[in-house]
C-alpha atoms as a PDB file:
ATOM      1  CA  MET A   1       0.096   0.015  -0.257  1.00  0.00           C
ATOM      2  CA  LEU A   2       2.711   2.323   1.141  1.00  0.00           C
ATOM      3  CA  VAL A   3       4.750   1.496  -1.747  1.00  0.00           C
ATOM      4  CA  SER A   4       1.867   2.230  -4.398  1.00  0.00           C
ATOM      5  CA  LEU A   5       1.273   5.133  -3.029  1.00  0.00           C
ATOM      6  CA  VAL A   6       5.077   6.473  -3.050  1.00  0.00           C
ATOM      7  CA  THR A   7       5.024   5.236  -6.712  1.00  0.00           C
ATOM      8  CA  GLU A   8       1.828   7.353  -7.264  1.00  0.00           C
ATOM      9  CA  VAL A   9       3.316  10.425  -5.845  1.00  0.00           C
ATOM     10  CA  LYS A  10       6.529  10.177  -7.779  1.00  0.00           C
ATOM     11  CA  ASP A  11       4.893   9.396 -11.168  1.00  0.00           C
ATOM     12  CA  THR A  12       2.797  12.597 -10.325  1.00  0.00           C
ATOM     13  CA  ILE A  13       5.692  14.423  -9.600  1.00  0.00           C
ATOM     14  CA  ILE A  14       7.933  13.588 -12.252  1.00  0.00           C
ATOM     15  CA  ALA A  15       5.210  13.969 -14.914  1.00  0.00           C
ATOM     16  CA  HIS A  16       4.775  17.775 -14.063  1.00  0.00           C
ATOM     17  CA  ASP A  17       8.399  18.416 -13.656  1.00  0.00           C
ATOM     18  CA  GLN A  18       7.390  21.573 -16.003  1.00  0.00           C
ATOM     19  CA  ASP A  19       4.747  22.678 -13.826  1.00  0.00           C
ATOM     20  CA  ILE A  20       6.920  22.734 -10.730  1.00  0.00           C
ATOM     21  CA  GLU A  21       9.481  24.718 -12.976  1.00  0.00           C
ATOM     22  CA  ARG A  22       7.072  27.191 -13.902  1.00  0.00           C
ATOM     23  CA  ALA A  23       5.757  27.672 -10.185  1.00  0.00           C
ATOM     24  CA  ALA A  24       9.149  27.842  -8.892  1.00  0.00           C
ATOM     25  CA  PHE A  25      10.223  30.387 -11.099  1.00  0.00           C
ATOM     26  CA  ALA A  26       7.433  32.591 -10.124  1.00  0.00           C
ATOM     27  CA  LEU A  27       7.404  32.165  -6.754  1.00  0.00           C
ATOM     28  CA  LYS A  28      10.769  33.230  -6.723  1.00  0.00           C
ATOM     29  CA  ALA A  29       9.840  36.677  -8.737  1.00  0.00           C
ATOM     30  CA  MET A  30       7.570  37.208  -6.258  1.00  0.00           C
ATOM     31  CA  SER A  31       9.312  36.784  -2.997  1.00  0.00           C
ATOM     32  CA  HIS A  32      10.796  40.050  -2.806  1.00  0.00           C
ATOM     33  CA  PRO A  33       8.190  42.201   0.106  1.00  0.00           C
ATOM     34  CA  LEU A  34       7.920  44.996  -2.407  1.00  0.00           C
ATOM     35  CA  ARG A  35       7.464  42.957  -5.453  1.00  0.00           C
ATOM     36  CA  LEU A  36       4.163  41.089  -3.545  1.00  0.00           C
ATOM     37  CA  LYS A  37       3.036  44.602  -2.295  1.00  0.00           C
ATOM     38  CA  ILE A  38       3.084  45.268  -5.752  1.00  0.00           C
ATOM     39  CA  LEU A  39       1.216  42.755  -6.867  1.00  0.00           C
ATOM     40  CA  CYS A  40      -1.809  43.273  -4.277  1.00  0.00           C
ATOM     41  CA  ALA A  41      -1.719  47.168  -5.469  1.00  0.00           C
ATOM     42  CA  VAL A  42      -2.262  46.584  -8.845  1.00  0.00           C
ATOM     43  CA  GLY A  43      -4.637  43.317  -7.780  1.00  0.00           C
ATOM     44  CA  GLU A  44      -7.372  43.061 -10.519  1.00  0.00           C
ATOM     45  CA  SER A  45      -6.540  46.720 -12.010  1.00  0.00           C
ATOM     46  CA  GLU A  46      -4.481  47.918 -14.631  1.00  0.00           C
ATOM     47  CA  LEU A  47      -2.179  50.859 -12.823  1.00  0.00           C
ATOM     48  CA  SER A  48       0.623  53.485 -13.421  1.00  0.00           C
ATOM     49  CA  VAL A  49       3.642  53.761 -12.235  1.00  0.00           C
ATOM     50  CA  GLN A  50       2.968  56.733 -10.304  1.00  0.00           C
ATOM     51  CA  SER A  51      -0.116  55.057  -8.810  1.00  0.00           C
ATOM     52  CA  ILE A  52       2.276  51.993  -7.998  1.00  0.00           C
ATOM     53  CA  VAL A  53       4.941  54.380  -6.286  1.00  0.00           C
ATOM     54  CA  ASP A  54       1.418  55.915  -4.422  1.00  0.00           C
ATOM     55  CA  CYS A  55       0.202  52.521  -2.939  1.00  0.00           C
ATOM     56  CA  VAL A  56       3.467  51.175  -2.207  1.00  0.00           C
ATOM     57  CA  GLY A  57       5.052  53.967  -0.834  1.00  0.00           C
ATOM     58  CA  THR A  58       8.182  54.005  -1.746  1.00  0.00           C
ATOM     59  CA  THR A  59      10.742  55.675  -4.754  1.00  0.00           C
ATOM     60  CA  GLN A  60       9.725  55.774  -8.395  1.00  0.00           C
ATOM     61  CA  SER A  61      13.395  54.258  -9.053  1.00  0.00           C
ATOM     62  CA  ASN A  62      13.106  51.398  -6.590  1.00  0.00           C
ATOM     63  CA  VAL A  63       9.280  50.779  -8.082  1.00  0.00           C
ATOM     64  CA  SER A  64      10.397  50.812 -11.231  1.00  0.00           C
ATOM     65  CA  GLN A  65      13.296  48.577 -10.591  1.00  0.00           C
ATOM     66  CA  HIS A  66      11.071  45.992  -9.026  1.00  0.00           C
ATOM     67  CA  LEU A  67       8.372  46.323 -12.037  1.00  0.00           C
ATOM     68  CA  ALA A  68      11.056  45.660 -14.508  1.00  0.00           C
ATOM     69  CA  ARG A  69      11.918  42.422 -12.903  1.00  0.00           C
ATOM     70  CA  LEU A  70       8.111  41.414 -12.469  1.00  0.00           C
ATOM     71  CA  ARG A  71       7.683  42.143 -16.522  1.00  0.00           C
ATOM     72  CA  ASP A  72      10.930  40.197 -17.457  1.00  0.00           C
ATOM     73  CA  LYS A  73       9.722  37.035 -15.370  1.00  0.00           C
ATOM     74  CA  GLU A  74       6.626  37.456 -16.925  1.00  0.00           C
ATOM     75  CA  ILE A  75       4.418  37.811 -13.918  1.00  0.00           C
ATOM     76  CA  LEU A  76       3.491  41.789 -15.382  1.00  0.00           C
ATOM     77  CA  ALA A  77       2.261  42.970 -18.750  1.00  0.00           C
ATOM     78  CA  SER A  78       2.769  46.451 -19.680  1.00  0.00           C
ATOM     79  CA  ARG A  79       1.447  48.971 -21.993  1.00  0.00           C
ATOM     80  CA  ARG A  80       2.560  52.587 -22.975  1.00  0.00           C
ATOM     81  CA  ASP A  81       0.129  55.265 -23.435  1.00  0.00           C
ATOM     82  CA  ALA A  82       1.552  58.359 -24.194  1.00  0.00           C
ATOM     83  CA  ASN A  83       4.346  58.879 -21.722  1.00  0.00           C
ATOM     84  CA  ARG A  84       2.559  56.471 -18.913  1.00  0.00           C
ATOM     85  CA  ILE A  85       3.433  53.137 -18.434  1.00  0.00           C
ATOM     86  CA  TYR A  86       0.353  51.197 -17.102  1.00  0.00           C
ATOM     87  CA  TYR A  87       1.075  47.299 -15.512  1.00  0.00           C
ATOM     88  CA  ARG A  88      -1.145  44.566 -14.935  1.00  0.00           C
ATOM     89  CA  VAL A  89      -0.954  40.995 -13.651  1.00  0.00           C
ATOM     90  CA  LYS A  90      -0.535  38.945 -17.329  1.00  0.00           C
ATOM     91  CA  ASP A  91      -1.912  35.355 -15.534  1.00  0.00           C
ATOM     92  CA  GLU A  92      -5.327  35.328 -13.769  1.00  0.00           C
ATOM     93  CA  ARG A  93      -3.501  32.076 -11.703  1.00  0.00           C
ATOM     94  CA  THR A  94      -1.260  34.799 -10.720  1.00  0.00           C
ATOM     95  CA  LEU A  95      -3.840  36.653  -8.732  1.00  0.00           C
ATOM     96  CA  ARG A  96      -5.358  33.957  -7.323  1.00  0.00           C
ATOM     97  CA  LEU A  97      -2.453  32.744  -5.831  1.00  0.00           C
ATOM     98  CA  VAL A  98      -1.621  36.199  -4.231  1.00  0.00           C
ATOM     99  CA  GLU A  99      -5.555  35.806  -3.174  1.00  0.00           C
ATOM    100  CA  MET A 100      -4.491  32.661  -1.367  1.00  0.00           C
ATOM    101  CA  MET A 101      -1.832  34.093   0.329  1.00  0.00           C
ATOM    102  CA  ARG A 102      -3.192  36.867   1.440  1.00  0.00           C
ATOM    103  CA  ASP A 103      -6.280  34.696   3.050  1.00  0.00           C
ATOM    104  CA  VAL A 104      -3.554  32.510   4.482  1.00  0.00           C
ATOM    105  CA  PHE A 105      -0.799  35.128   5.543  1.00  0.00           C
ATOM    106  CA  CYS A 106      -2.810  38.543   6.430  1.00  0.00           C
ATOM    107  CA  SER A 107      -4.376  39.075   9.295  1.00  0.00           C
ATOM    108  CA  SER A 108      -8.890  39.753   9.458  1.00  0.00           C
ATOM    109  CA  GLU A 109      -8.056  42.777  11.493  1.00  0.00           C
ATOM    110  CA  GLN A 110      -7.330  45.670   8.825  1.00  0.00           C
END
Protein backbone atom coordinates (compact mmCIF):
# COMPACT_ATOMS: atom_id res chain seq x y z
CA MET A 1 0.00 0.00 0.00
CA LEU A 2 2.71 2.50 1.02
CA VAL A 3 4.89 1.52 -1.94
CA SER A 4 1.94 2.06 -4.27
CA LEU A 5 1.28 5.51 -2.79
CA VAL A 6 4.95 6.54 -3.04
CA THR A 7 5.10 5.33 -6.64
CA GLU A 8 1.92 7.25 -7.48
CA VAL A 9 3.25 10.46 -5.92
CA LYS A 10 6.64 10.03 -7.59
CA ASP A 11 5.03 9.43 -10.99
CA THR A 12 2.87 12.52 -10.54
CA ILE A 13 5.84 14.70 -9.58
CA ILE A 14 8.01 13.46 -12.42
CA ALA A 15 5.17 13.83 -14.91
CA HIS A 16 4.76 17.49 -13.95
CA ASP A 17 8.34 18.73 -13.67
CA GLN A 18 7.63 21.52 -16.13
CA ASP A 19 4.74 22.76 -13.96
CA ILE A 20 6.93 22.61 -10.86
CA GLU A 21 9.64 24.62 -12.61
CA ARG A 22 7.12 27.24 -13.75
CA ALA A 23 5.67 27.54 -10.22
CA ALA A 24 9.11 27.85 -8.63
CA PHE A 25 10.08 30.48 -11.20
CA ALA A 26 6.96 32.54 -10.44
CA LEU A 27 7.31 32.19 -6.66
CA LYS A 28 10.94 33.25 -6.82
CA ALA A 29 10.01 36.33 -8.85
CA MET A 30 7.31 37.28 -6.32
CA SER A 31 9.35 36.47 -3.21
CA HIS A 32 10.60 40.01 -2.49
CA PRO A 33 8.31 41.92 -0.08
CA LEU A 34 8.07 44.98 -2.34
CA ARG A 35 7.27 42.88 -5.41
CA LEU A 36 4.51 41.11 -3.49
CA LYS A 37 3.21 44.49 -2.33
CA ILE A 38 3.20 45.70 -5.95
CA LEU A 39 1.18 42.65 -6.99
CA CYS A 40 -1.31 43.30 -4.20
CA ALA A 41 -1.60 46.95 -5.28
CA VAL A 42 -2.15 46.12 -8.94
CA GLY A 43 -4.55 43.26 -8.24
CA GLU A 44 -7.15 42.92 -10.98
CA SER A 45 -6.68 46.49 -12.21
CA GLU A 46 -4.19 48.20 -14.46
CA LEU A 47 -2.14 50.92 -12.79
CA SER A 48 0.35 53.51 -13.93
CA VAL A 49 3.80 53.50 -12.43
CA GLN A 50 2.96 56.65 -10.42
CA SER A 51 -0.19 55.03 -9.02
CA ILE A 52 1.86 52.00 -7.96
CA VAL A 53 4.45 54.30 -6.33
CA ASP A 54 1.63 56.03 -4.42
CA CYS A 55 0.19 52.68 -3.28
CA VAL A 56 3.42 51.07 -2.08
CA GLY A 57 5.09 54.16 -0.61
CA THR A 58 8.63 54.07 -1.95
CA THR A 59 10.58 55.85 -4.66
CA GLN A 60 9.76 55.64 -8.35
CA SER A 61 13.26 54.37 -9.05
CA ASN A 62 12.84 51.50 -6.58
CA VAL A 63 9.39 50.60 -7.91
CA SER A 64 10.59 50.74 -11.51
CA GLN A 65 13.40 48.26 -10.78
CA HIS A 66 10.94 45.80 -9.26
CA LEU A 67 8.39 46.34 -12.03
CA ALA A 68 11.08 45.52 -14.58
CA ARG A 69 11.90 42.31 -12.74
CA LEU A 70 8.22 41.28 -12.60
CA ARG A 71 7.81 42.11 -16.28
CA ASP A 72 10.98 40.21 -17.25
CA LYS A 73 9.74 37.18 -15.32
CA GLU A 74 6.40 37.48 -17.16
CA ILE A 75 4.40 38.12 -13.98
CA LEU A 76 3.31 41.57 -15.14
CA ALA A 77 2.46 42.90 -18.58
CA SER A 78 2.87 46.55 -19.54
CA ARG A 79 1.59 48.97 -22.10
CA ARG A 80 2.59 52.51 -22.96
CA ASP A 81 0.08 55.32 -23.42
CA ALA A 82 1.87 58.50 -24.44
CA ASN A 83 4.39 59.11 -21.64
CA ARG A 84 2.82 56.75 -19.09
CA ILE A 85 3.39 53.05 -18.62
CA TYR A 86 0.61 50.91 -17.20
CA TYR A 87 1.03 47.51 -15.57
CA ARG A 88 -1.35 44.62 -15.05
CA VAL A 89 -0.98 41.06 -13.82
CA LYS A 90 -0.39 38.91 -16.88
CA ASP A 91 -1.90 35.62 -15.68
CA GLU A 92 -5.11 35.17 -13.69
CA ARG A 93 -3.48 32.27 -11.80
CA THR A 94 -1.06 34.74 -10.25
CA LEU A 95 -3.99 36.75 -8.92
CA ARG A 96 -5.47 33.59 -7.39
CA LEU A 97 -2.13 32.81 -5.76
CA VAL A 98 -1.82 36.33 -4.31
CA GLU A 99 -5.37 36.10 -3.01
CA MET A 100 -4.65 32.74 -1.36
CA MET A 101 -1.52 34.17 0.28
CA ARG A 102 -3.57 37.10 1.53
CA ASP A 103 -6.14 34.69 3.01
CA VAL A 104 -3.46 32.59 4.70
CA PHE A 105 -0.98 35.20 5.89
CA CYS A 106 -2.85 38.48 6.38
CA SER A 107 -4.66 39.19 9.60
CA SER A 108 -8.38 39.78 9.35
CA GLU A 109 -7.95 43.07 11.25
CA GLN A 110 -7.16 45.81 8.76
